[in-house]
Amino acid sequence: MPRFPVHTVDDSPADARADLEAMQAAMGKVLNIHGGMAHSPVVLAAYRGMGRAITEHGTYDARTQESVALAVGAVDKCAYCQSAHTVGGTRAGLSEEDTLVIRHGKPTGDDRLDSLLALAREITGDVGHVQDATWQQALDAGWSVEELEELYAHVAVNLYTNYFNHFAGTELDVPEAPELESTT
């Protein structure tokens, strides 16, 4: 059960309205996560700020972004984010089977992507710490130091939403991801 009201654009706090309108325009509706974040405008604004930074300065394509989100959501056991990013991942070119492989931490057949996802999983599961071998594997797979540093931003925005959903008790309003194991 949600701990915060889930706002629509019409009943949201005035300071959150513009951000919520933008999220509605981008998603086609106000998702429960965004409507819940809107209850405290700073929460939604912080999320939107991270998203804008990634959009303006990030270099990952949509498929890579969704893959990272799926890997982080699986480590954090966030049902909402695994479900939302399964939808987003299929829109970005992943098959449903690809989304399951990523969520289960299995090899995708793309060594470059797998090395990035291994790093994302370690960042997430070990509170930012990564093994030198995992870092080197990603470099050896062709990721630049700048691209690996960018990974931190992608992990951080996903941690933000995963933890918000756990904290808020966000109810699922997207199709449930298959084979879901979660706390939210």
N, C-alpha and C. Protein backbone atom coordinates (compact mmCIF):
# COMPACT_ATOMS: atom_id res chain seq x y z
N MET A 1 0.84 -1.18 0.00
CA MET A 1 0.00 0.00 0.00
C MET A 1 0.88 1.24 0.00
N PRO A 2 0.57 2.20 -0.86
CA PRO A 2 1.40 3.40 -0.94
C PRO A 2 1.37 4.21 0.35
N ARG A 3 2.52 4.75 0.69
CA ARG A 3 2.63 5.61 1.87
C ARG A 3 2.32 7.06 1.56
N PHE A 4 2.34 7.43 0.28
CA PHE A 4 2.11 8.81 -0.13
C PHE A 4 0.96 8.85 -1.11
N PRO A 5 0.21 9.94 -1.15
CA PRO A 5 -0.81 10.07 -2.18
C PRO A 5 -0.16 10.03 -3.56
N VAL A 6 -0.86 9.45 -4.51
CA VAL A 6 -0.40 9.44 -5.90
C VAL A 6 -1.19 10.53 -6.61
N HIS A 7 -0.49 11.59 -6.95
CA HIS A 7 -1.14 12.77 -7.52
C HIS A 7 -1.33 12.67 -9.03
N THR A 8 -2.35 13.34 -9.49
CA THR A 8 -2.52 13.63 -10.91
C THR A 8 -1.96 15.03 -11.13
N VAL A 9 -1.89 15.43 -12.37
CA VAL A 9 -1.44 16.80 -12.65
C VAL A 9 -2.36 17.80 -11.97
N ASP A 10 -3.68 17.55 -12.01
CA ASP A 10 -4.65 18.50 -11.48
C ASP A 10 -4.60 18.66 -9.97
N ASP A 11 -4.28 17.60 -9.23
CA ASP A 11 -4.30 17.73 -7.76
C ASP A 11 -2.89 17.74 -7.15
N SER A 12 -1.88 17.85 -7.98
CA SER A 12 -0.50 17.86 -7.46
C SER A 12 -0.16 19.20 -6.83
N PRO A 13 0.81 19.20 -5.91
CA PRO A 13 1.27 20.47 -5.37
C PRO A 13 1.75 21.38 -6.50
N ALA A 14 1.51 22.66 -6.37
CA ALA A 14 1.85 23.62 -7.44
C ALA A 14 3.32 23.53 -7.84
N ASP A 15 4.20 23.32 -6.87
CA ASP A 15 5.64 23.26 -7.17
C ASP A 15 6.04 22.00 -7.94
N ALA A 16 5.17 21.02 -7.99
CA ALA A 16 5.47 19.79 -8.72
C ALA A 16 4.76 19.72 -10.06
N ARG A 17 3.84 20.60 -10.29
CA ARG A 17 2.95 20.48 -11.45
C ARG A 17 3.70 20.48 -12.79
N ALA A 18 4.64 21.38 -13.00
CA ALA A 18 5.35 21.43 -14.29
C ALA A 18 6.13 20.14 -14.53
N ASP A 19 6.81 19.64 -13.49
CA ASP A 19 7.54 18.38 -13.65
C ASP A 19 6.60 17.22 -13.91
N LEU A 20 5.48 17.19 -13.23
CA LEU A 20 4.53 16.10 -13.43
C LEU A 20 3.91 16.17 -14.83
N GLU A 21 3.62 17.38 -15.30
CA GLU A 21 3.12 17.54 -16.67
C GLU A 21 4.14 17.02 -17.68
N ALA A 22 5.41 17.31 -17.46
CA ALA A 22 6.46 16.84 -18.36
C ALA A 22 6.54 15.32 -18.34
N MET A 23 6.42 14.72 -17.16
CA MET A 23 6.47 13.27 -17.07
C MET A 23 5.25 12.65 -17.75
N GLN A 24 4.09 13.26 -17.60
CA GLN A 24 2.89 12.77 -18.26
C GLN A 24 3.06 12.84 -19.78
N ALA A 25 3.62 13.93 -20.26
CA ALA A 25 3.83 14.08 -21.70
C ALA A 25 4.81 13.02 -22.22
N ALA A 26 5.84 12.74 -21.47
CA ALA A 26 6.85 11.78 -21.89
C ALA A 26 6.34 10.34 -21.85
N MET A 27 5.52 10.03 -20.85
CA MET A 27 5.09 8.65 -20.63
C MET A 27 3.68 8.36 -21.18
N GLY A 28 2.95 9.39 -21.52
CA GLY A 28 1.58 9.20 -21.99
C GLY A 28 0.55 9.20 -20.87
N LYS A 29 1.03 9.14 -19.64
CA LYS A 29 0.16 9.19 -18.46
C LYS A 29 1.05 9.48 -17.25
N VAL A 30 0.41 9.79 -16.14
CA VAL A 30 1.17 9.94 -14.90
C VAL A 30 1.31 8.56 -14.29
N LEU A 31 2.54 8.07 -14.27
CA LEU A 31 2.80 6.79 -13.62
C LEU A 31 2.73 6.95 -12.11
N ASN A 32 2.40 5.87 -11.42
CA ASN A 32 2.30 5.93 -9.96
C ASN A 32 3.58 6.42 -9.30
N ILE A 33 4.74 6.02 -9.81
CA ILE A 33 5.99 6.48 -9.23
C ILE A 33 6.10 8.01 -9.30
N HIS A 34 5.75 8.58 -10.44
CA HIS A 34 5.87 10.03 -10.60
C HIS A 34 4.79 10.76 -9.80
N GLY A 35 3.58 10.21 -9.78
CA GLY A 35 2.52 10.81 -8.98
C GLY A 35 2.84 10.77 -7.50
N GLY A 36 3.51 9.70 -7.05
CA GLY A 36 3.94 9.62 -5.65
C GLY A 36 5.07 10.58 -5.36
N MET A 37 6.03 10.68 -6.27
CA MET A 37 7.14 11.62 -6.08
C MET A 37 6.64 13.05 -6.01
N ALA A 38 5.57 13.35 -6.73
CA ALA A 38 5.06 14.72 -6.79
C ALA A 38 4.55 15.22 -5.45
N HIS A 39 4.22 14.31 -4.54
CA HIS A 39 3.72 14.73 -3.22
C HIS A 39 4.75 15.60 -2.50
N SER A 40 6.02 15.34 -2.73
CA SER A 40 7.10 16.19 -2.23
C SER A 40 7.84 16.70 -3.44
N PRO A 41 7.57 17.92 -3.89
CA PRO A 41 8.13 18.42 -5.14
C PRO A 41 9.64 18.26 -5.27
N VAL A 42 10.38 18.33 -4.16
CA VAL A 42 11.83 18.18 -4.25
C VAL A 42 12.20 16.78 -4.73
N VAL A 43 11.43 15.78 -4.39
CA VAL A 43 11.72 14.39 -4.79
C VAL A 43 11.58 14.26 -6.31
N LEU A 44 10.49 14.77 -6.86
CA LEU A 44 10.27 14.71 -8.31
C LEU A 44 11.28 15.58 -9.04
N ALA A 45 11.57 16.77 -8.51
CA ALA A 45 12.53 17.66 -9.17
C ALA A 45 13.93 17.06 -9.19
N ALA A 46 14.32 16.39 -8.11
CA ALA A 46 15.64 15.75 -8.07
C ALA A 46 15.72 14.64 -9.12
N TYR A 47 14.68 13.85 -9.22
CA TYR A 47 14.64 12.78 -10.21
C TYR A 47 14.71 13.35 -11.63
N ARG A 48 13.91 14.37 -11.88
CA ARG A 48 13.91 15.00 -13.21
C ARG A 48 15.26 15.63 -13.52
N GLY A 49 15.91 16.20 -12.51
CA GLY A 49 17.23 16.80 -12.72
C GLY A 49 18.25 15.76 -13.14
N MET A 50 18.23 14.61 -12.48
CA MET A 50 19.15 13.54 -12.87
C MET A 50 18.85 13.07 -14.30
N GLY A 51 17.58 12.94 -14.61
CA GLY A 51 17.19 12.52 -15.95
C GLY A 51 17.61 13.52 -17.02
N ARG A 52 17.45 14.81 -16.74
CA ARG A 52 17.87 15.83 -17.69
C ARG A 52 19.38 15.78 -17.91
N ALA A 53 20.14 15.59 -16.85
CA ALA A 53 21.60 15.52 -16.98
C ALA A 53 22.00 14.35 -17.87
N ILE A 54 21.35 13.21 -17.70
CA ILE A 54 21.65 12.04 -18.52
C ILE A 54 21.24 12.30 -19.97
N THR A 55 20.09 12.89 -20.18
CA THR A 55 19.63 13.18 -21.53
C THR A 55 20.56 14.16 -22.24
N GLU A 56 20.97 15.20 -21.53
CA GLU A 56 21.80 16.25 -22.14
C GLU A 56 23.25 15.83 -22.34
N HIS A 57 23.79 15.00 -21.44
CA HIS A 57 25.22 14.72 -21.47
C HIS A 57 25.58 13.24 -21.64
N GLY A 58 24.62 12.36 -21.50
CA GLY A 58 24.90 10.94 -21.56
C GLY A 58 25.17 10.45 -22.97
N THR A 59 25.86 9.33 -23.05
CA THR A 59 26.23 8.77 -24.35
C THR A 59 25.64 7.39 -24.61
N TYR A 60 25.01 6.79 -23.63
CA TYR A 60 24.46 5.44 -23.81
C TYR A 60 23.20 5.49 -24.65
N ASP A 61 23.04 4.51 -25.54
CA ASP A 61 21.80 4.41 -26.29
C ASP A 61 20.70 3.85 -25.38
N ALA A 62 19.46 3.89 -25.86
CA ALA A 62 18.32 3.47 -25.05
C ALA A 62 18.42 2.01 -24.62
N ARG A 63 18.91 1.15 -25.49
CA ARG A 63 19.04 -0.27 -25.17
C ARG A 63 20.00 -0.47 -24.00
N THR A 64 21.12 0.24 -24.01
CA THR A 64 22.10 0.13 -22.93
C THR A 64 21.53 0.71 -21.64
N GLN A 65 20.86 1.85 -21.73
CA GLN A 65 20.26 2.45 -20.54
C GLN A 65 19.26 1.51 -19.89
N GLU A 66 18.41 0.91 -20.71
CA GLU A 66 17.39 0.01 -20.18
C GLU A 66 18.02 -1.26 -19.61
N SER A 67 19.10 -1.72 -20.22
CA SER A 67 19.81 -2.89 -19.71
C SER A 67 20.38 -2.61 -18.33
N VAL A 68 20.99 -1.44 -18.16
CA VAL A 68 21.53 -1.05 -16.86
C VAL A 68 20.40 -0.97 -15.84
N ALA A 69 19.29 -0.35 -16.23
CA ALA A 69 18.15 -0.22 -15.32
C ALA A 69 17.62 -1.58 -14.89
N LEU A 70 17.56 -2.52 -15.81
CA LEU A 70 17.09 -3.87 -15.48
C LEU A 70 18.06 -4.56 -14.52
N ALA A 71 19.35 -4.41 -14.76
CA ALA A 71 20.34 -5.05 -13.89
C ALA A 71 20.28 -4.46 -12.48
N VAL A 72 20.20 -3.14 -12.37
CA VAL A 72 20.14 -2.49 -11.07
C VAL A 72 18.84 -2.86 -10.35
N GLY A 73 17.72 -2.82 -11.06
CA GLY A 73 16.43 -3.16 -10.47
C GLY A 73 16.38 -4.59 -9.96
N ALA A 74 17.06 -5.49 -10.66
CA ALA A 74 17.09 -6.89 -10.22
C ALA A 74 17.93 -7.05 -8.96
N VAL A 75 19.09 -6.39 -8.92
CA VAL A 75 19.92 -6.47 -7.71
C VAL A 75 19.15 -5.91 -6.52
N ASP A 76 18.44 -4.81 -6.72
CA ASP A 76 17.68 -4.16 -5.65
C ASP A 76 16.31 -4.80 -5.40
N LYS A 77 15.94 -5.76 -6.24
CA LYS A 77 14.66 -6.44 -6.12
C LYS A 77 13.47 -5.46 -6.13
N CYS A 78 13.53 -4.51 -7.05
CA CYS A 78 12.45 -3.53 -7.19
C CYS A 78 11.48 -4.00 -8.27
N ALA A 79 10.33 -4.49 -7.83
CA ALA A 79 9.32 -5.00 -8.76
C ALA A 79 8.85 -3.93 -9.73
N TYR A 80 8.64 -2.72 -9.21
CA TYR A 80 8.15 -1.65 -10.07
C TYR A 80 9.14 -1.35 -11.18
N CYS A 81 10.40 -1.16 -10.83
CA CYS A 81 11.40 -0.80 -11.84
C CYS A 81 11.70 -1.95 -12.78
N GLN A 82 11.73 -3.18 -12.30
CA GLN A 82 11.94 -4.30 -13.20
C GLN A 82 10.79 -4.38 -14.21
N SER A 83 9.59 -4.12 -13.75
CA SER A 83 8.43 -4.16 -14.64
C SER A 83 8.47 -3.00 -15.63
N ALA A 84 8.69 -1.79 -15.14
CA ALA A 84 8.72 -0.62 -16.02
C ALA A 84 9.84 -0.73 -17.05
N HIS A 85 11.00 -1.21 -16.63
CA HIS A 85 12.13 -1.29 -17.56
C HIS A 85 12.06 -2.53 -18.45
N THR A 86 11.24 -3.50 -18.12
CA THR A 86 10.96 -4.57 -19.06
C THR A 86 10.16 -3.99 -20.23
N VAL A 87 9.19 -3.15 -19.93
CA VAL A 87 8.43 -2.46 -20.98
C VAL A 87 9.37 -1.55 -21.77
N GLY A 88 10.14 -0.72 -21.06
CA GLY A 88 11.06 0.19 -21.73
C GLY A 88 12.12 -0.53 -22.54
N GLY A 89 12.61 -1.64 -22.00
CA GLY A 89 13.63 -2.41 -22.69
C GLY A 89 13.13 -3.01 -23.99
N THR A 90 11.91 -3.52 -23.99
CA THR A 90 11.37 -4.08 -25.23
C THR A 90 11.14 -2.97 -26.25
N ARG A 91 10.77 -1.78 -25.79
CA ARG A 91 10.62 -0.64 -26.70
C ARG A 91 11.98 -0.21 -27.27
N ALA A 92 13.05 -0.46 -26.51
CA ALA A 92 14.40 -0.06 -26.94
C ALA A 92 15.09 -1.16 -27.75
N GLY A 93 14.40 -2.25 -28.02
CA GLY A 93 14.97 -3.28 -28.88
C GLY A 93 15.36 -4.58 -28.20
N LEU A 94 15.19 -4.68 -26.89
CA LEU A 94 15.46 -5.94 -26.20
C LEU A 94 14.25 -6.86 -26.36
N SER A 95 14.49 -8.14 -26.46
CA SER A 95 13.38 -9.09 -26.44
C SER A 95 13.00 -9.33 -24.98
N GLU A 96 11.84 -9.90 -24.75
CA GLU A 96 11.47 -10.23 -23.37
C GLU A 96 12.48 -11.21 -22.78
N GLU A 97 12.97 -12.14 -23.59
CA GLU A 97 13.99 -13.09 -23.14
C GLU A 97 15.27 -12.34 -22.74
N ASP A 98 15.66 -11.33 -23.53
CA ASP A 98 16.83 -10.51 -23.18
C ASP A 98 16.64 -9.88 -21.80
N THR A 99 15.45 -9.37 -21.53
CA THR A 99 15.21 -8.71 -20.24
C THR A 99 15.35 -9.70 -19.09
N LEU A 100 14.90 -10.93 -19.30
CA LEU A 100 15.03 -11.96 -18.27
C LEU A 100 16.50 -12.34 -18.05
N VAL A 101 17.24 -12.49 -19.13
CA VAL A 101 18.65 -12.83 -19.04
C VAL A 101 19.39 -11.76 -18.24
N ILE A 102 19.13 -10.51 -18.55
CA ILE A 102 19.78 -9.40 -17.85
C ILE A 102 19.40 -9.41 -16.38
N ARG A 103 18.11 -9.54 -16.09
CA ARG A 103 17.65 -9.52 -14.70
C ARG A 103 18.23 -10.68 -13.90
N HIS A 104 18.45 -11.81 -14.54
CA HIS A 104 19.00 -12.98 -13.85
C HIS A 104 20.53 -12.96 -13.80
N GLY A 105 21.14 -11.96 -14.40
CA GLY A 105 22.60 -11.83 -14.36
C GLY A 105 23.34 -12.82 -15.22
N LYS A 106 22.69 -13.31 -16.25
CA LYS A 106 23.30 -14.29 -17.15
C LYS A 106 23.94 -13.56 -18.34
N PRO A 107 24.85 -14.21 -19.03
CA PRO A 107 25.47 -13.59 -20.21
C PRO A 107 24.44 -13.34 -21.32
N THR A 108 24.54 -12.18 -21.93
CA THR A 108 23.61 -11.80 -23.00
C THR A 108 24.11 -12.24 -24.37
N GLY A 109 25.39 -12.60 -24.45
CA GLY A 109 25.99 -12.88 -25.75
C GLY A 109 26.71 -11.67 -26.32
N ASP A 110 26.59 -10.55 -25.64
CA ASP A 110 27.27 -9.31 -26.01
C ASP A 110 28.30 -9.03 -24.91
N ASP A 111 29.55 -9.43 -25.15
CA ASP A 111 30.58 -9.32 -24.11
C ASP A 111 30.76 -7.88 -23.63
N ARG A 112 30.63 -6.94 -24.53
CA ARG A 112 30.81 -5.53 -24.14
C ARG A 112 29.70 -5.12 -23.16
N LEU A 113 28.46 -5.41 -23.51
CA LEU A 113 27.34 -5.08 -22.63
C LEU A 113 27.46 -5.85 -21.31
N ASP A 114 27.79 -7.12 -21.40
CA ASP A 114 27.91 -7.94 -20.18
C ASP A 114 28.94 -7.36 -19.21
N SER A 115 30.04 -6.83 -19.73
CA SER A 115 31.06 -6.27 -18.84
C SER A 115 30.55 -5.01 -18.15
N LEU A 116 29.75 -4.22 -18.86
CA LEU A 116 29.16 -3.02 -18.25
C LEU A 116 28.14 -3.40 -17.18
N LEU A 117 27.33 -4.40 -17.49
CA LEU A 117 26.30 -4.83 -16.54
C LEU A 117 26.93 -5.46 -15.30
N ALA A 118 28.05 -6.17 -15.47
CA ALA A 118 28.75 -6.72 -14.30
C ALA A 118 29.21 -5.60 -13.39
N LEU A 119 29.70 -4.53 -13.97
CA LEU A 119 30.13 -3.38 -13.19
C LEU A 119 28.93 -2.72 -12.50
N ALA A 120 27.82 -2.58 -13.22
CA ALA A 120 26.60 -1.98 -12.63
C ALA A 120 26.10 -2.81 -11.46
N ARG A 121 26.13 -4.13 -11.61
CA ARG A 121 25.67 -5.00 -10.52
C ARG A 121 26.57 -4.87 -9.30
N GLU A 122 27.88 -4.78 -9.51
CA GLU A 122 28.79 -4.62 -8.37
C GLU A 122 28.61 -3.27 -7.70
N ILE A 123 28.47 -2.21 -8.48
CA ILE A 123 28.23 -0.88 -7.89
C ILE A 123 26.99 -0.95 -7.00
N THR A 124 25.95 -1.56 -7.52
CA THR A 124 24.67 -1.63 -6.81
C THR A 124 24.76 -2.53 -5.59
N GLY A 125 25.30 -3.70 -5.75
CA GLY A 125 25.29 -4.68 -4.68
C GLY A 125 26.35 -4.48 -3.62
N ASP A 126 27.38 -3.72 -3.94
CA ASP A 126 28.48 -3.52 -2.99
C ASP A 126 28.68 -2.04 -2.68
N VAL A 127 27.58 -1.32 -2.59
CA VAL A 127 27.54 0.11 -2.22
C VAL A 127 28.65 0.93 -2.86
N GLY A 128 28.79 0.78 -4.17
CA GLY A 128 29.72 1.60 -4.93
C GLY A 128 31.09 0.98 -5.15
N HIS A 129 31.42 -0.04 -4.41
CA HIS A 129 32.72 -0.69 -4.57
C HIS A 129 32.68 -1.64 -5.76
N VAL A 130 33.79 -1.67 -6.51
CA VAL A 130 33.92 -2.63 -7.61
C VAL A 130 35.32 -3.23 -7.56
N GLN A 131 35.40 -4.45 -7.99
CA GLN A 131 36.69 -5.13 -8.04
C GLN A 131 37.51 -4.61 -9.22
N ASP A 132 38.81 -4.55 -9.04
CA ASP A 132 39.69 -4.12 -10.12
C ASP A 132 39.51 -5.01 -11.35
N ALA A 133 39.31 -6.29 -11.15
CA ALA A 133 39.15 -7.21 -12.28
C ALA A 133 37.89 -6.89 -13.09
N THR A 134 36.82 -6.51 -12.41
CA THR A 134 35.57 -6.17 -13.12
C THR A 134 35.76 -4.88 -13.91
N TRP A 135 36.43 -3.91 -13.30
CA TRP A 135 36.73 -2.64 -13.96
C TRP A 135 37.58 -2.91 -15.21
N GLN A 136 38.63 -3.70 -15.06
CA GLN A 136 39.54 -3.98 -16.17
C GLN A 136 38.83 -4.74 -17.28
N GLN A 137 37.94 -5.65 -16.91
CA GLN A 137 37.18 -6.40 -17.91
C GLN A 137 36.36 -5.45 -18.78
N ALA A 138 35.77 -4.44 -18.17
CA ALA A 138 34.99 -3.46 -18.93
C ALA A 138 35.89 -2.63 -19.84
N LEU A 139 37.04 -2.23 -19.34
CA LEU A 139 38.00 -1.50 -20.20
C LEU A 139 38.44 -2.38 -21.37
N ASP A 140 38.75 -3.62 -21.07
CA ASP A 140 39.19 -4.56 -22.12
C ASP A 140 38.10 -4.82 -23.15
N ALA A 141 36.84 -4.68 -22.74
CA ALA A 141 35.72 -4.89 -23.66
C ALA A 141 35.47 -3.68 -24.56
N GLY A 142 36.20 -2.59 -24.30
CA GLY A 142 36.09 -1.42 -25.17
C GLY A 142 35.41 -0.21 -24.58
N TRP A 143 35.03 -0.27 -23.32
CA TRP A 143 34.44 0.91 -22.67
C TRP A 143 35.56 1.87 -22.29
N SER A 144 35.33 3.15 -22.52
CA SER A 144 36.32 4.15 -22.11
C SER A 144 36.13 4.47 -20.63
N VAL A 145 37.12 5.09 -20.05
CA VAL A 145 37.01 5.51 -18.65
C VAL A 145 35.83 6.47 -18.50
N GLU A 146 35.64 7.37 -19.47
CA GLU A 146 34.52 8.32 -19.40
C GLU A 146 33.18 7.59 -19.43
N GLU A 147 33.07 6.58 -20.28
CA GLU A 147 31.82 5.81 -20.35
C GLU A 147 31.58 5.04 -19.06
N LEU A 148 32.64 4.54 -18.46
CA LEU A 148 32.48 3.81 -17.20
C LEU A 148 32.12 4.76 -16.07
N GLU A 149 32.64 5.96 -16.10
CA GLU A 149 32.23 6.94 -15.09
C GLU A 149 30.78 7.34 -15.29
N GLU A 150 30.35 7.45 -16.54
CA GLU A 150 28.94 7.75 -16.82
C GLU A 150 28.02 6.70 -16.23
N LEU A 151 28.50 5.45 -16.19
CA LEU A 151 27.69 4.37 -15.62
C LEU A 151 27.20 4.75 -14.22
N TYR A 152 28.05 5.43 -13.47
CA TYR A 152 27.67 5.82 -12.12
C TYR A 152 26.37 6.64 -12.13
N ALA A 153 26.22 7.56 -13.08
CA ALA A 153 24.99 8.37 -13.15
C ALA A 153 23.77 7.49 -13.44
N HIS A 154 23.95 6.53 -14.33
CA HIS A 154 22.83 5.64 -14.66
C HIS A 154 22.45 4.76 -13.47
N VAL A 155 23.45 4.25 -12.78
CA VAL A 155 23.18 3.45 -11.58
C VAL A 155 22.49 4.32 -10.53
N ALA A 156 23.00 5.54 -10.33
CA ALA A 156 22.46 6.42 -9.29
C ALA A 156 20.99 6.75 -9.53
N VAL A 157 20.61 7.08 -10.75
CA VAL A 157 19.20 7.43 -11.01
C VAL A 157 18.32 6.20 -10.79
N ASN A 158 18.84 5.02 -11.12
CA ASN A 158 18.04 3.81 -10.89
C ASN A 158 17.97 3.45 -9.42
N LEU A 159 19.05 3.65 -8.68
CA LEU A 159 18.99 3.45 -7.22
C LEU A 159 17.94 4.39 -6.62
N TYR A 160 17.92 5.62 -7.10
CA TYR A 160 16.97 6.62 -6.60
C TYR A 160 15.54 6.12 -6.76
N THR A 161 15.22 5.64 -7.95
CA THR A 161 13.84 5.19 -8.18
C THR A 161 13.56 3.87 -7.46
N ASN A 162 14.53 2.95 -7.46
CA ASN A 162 14.33 1.68 -6.75
C ASN A 162 14.04 1.93 -5.28
N TYR A 163 14.89 2.73 -4.66
CA TYR A 163 14.74 3.00 -3.23
C TYR A 163 13.47 3.78 -2.95
N PHE A 164 13.11 4.71 -3.83
CA PHE A 164 11.86 5.43 -3.64
C PHE A 164 10.69 4.45 -3.65
N ASN A 165 10.67 3.53 -4.61
CA ASN A 165 9.56 2.58 -4.68
C ASN A 165 9.48 1.70 -3.45
N HIS A 166 10.62 1.28 -2.93
CA HIS A 166 10.62 0.48 -1.69
C HIS A 166 10.08 1.33 -0.53
N PHE A 167 10.57 2.55 -0.41
CA PHE A 167 10.20 3.48 0.66
C PHE A 167 8.72 3.86 0.57
N ALA A 168 8.26 4.14 -0.64
CA ALA A 168 6.90 4.64 -0.84
C ALA A 168 5.85 3.55 -0.92
N GLY A 169 6.26 2.33 -1.25
CA GLY A 169 5.27 1.27 -1.47
C GLY A 169 4.48 1.50 -2.75
N THR A 170 5.16 1.94 -3.79
CA THR A 170 4.51 2.27 -5.07
C THR A 170 3.78 1.05 -5.63
N GLU A 171 2.52 1.25 -5.97
CA GLU A 171 1.73 0.17 -6.57
C GLU A 171 2.02 0.09 -8.06
N LEU A 172 2.09 -1.12 -8.56
CA LEU A 172 2.38 -1.38 -9.96
C LEU A 172 1.24 -0.89 -10.85
N ASP A 173 1.57 -0.10 -11.85
CA ASP A 173 0.58 0.37 -12.82
C ASP A 173 1.07 0.16 -14.25
N VAL A 174 2.04 -0.74 -14.40
CA VAL A 174 2.55 -1.18 -15.70
C VAL A 174 2.47 -2.71 -15.69
N PRO A 175 2.57 -3.35 -16.84
CA PRO A 175 2.51 -4.81 -16.84
C PRO A 175 3.62 -5.41 -15.98
N GLU A 176 3.26 -6.38 -15.17
CA GLU A 176 4.24 -7.03 -14.29
C GLU A 176 5.27 -7.80 -15.10
N ALA A 177 6.53 -7.62 -14.74
CA ALA A 177 7.61 -8.35 -15.41
C ALA A 177 7.48 -9.84 -15.11
N PRO A 178 7.82 -10.69 -16.09
CA PRO A 178 7.78 -12.13 -15.84
C PRO A 178 8.86 -12.53 -14.85
N GLU A 179 8.59 -13.62 -14.13
CA GLU A 179 9.54 -14.22 -13.18
C GLU A 179 10.05 -13.20 -12.17
N LEU A 180 9.15 -12.44 -11.63
CA LEU A 180 9.51 -11.37 -10.71
C LEU A 180 9.68 -11.88 -9.30
N GLU A 181 10.84 -11.58 -8.72
CA GLU A 181 11.11 -11.79 -7.30
C GLU A 181 11.44 -10.44 -6.74
N SER A 182 10.70 -9.99 -5.75
CA SER A 182 10.95 -8.64 -5.29
C SER A 182 10.43 -8.41 -3.88
N THR A 183 10.78 -7.23 -3.39
CA THR A 183 10.27 -6.78 -2.10
C THR A 183 9.22 -5.69 -2.31
N THR A 184 9.10 -5.16 -3.51
CA THR A 184 8.12 -4.11 -3.79
C THR A 184 7.28 -4.49 -4.98
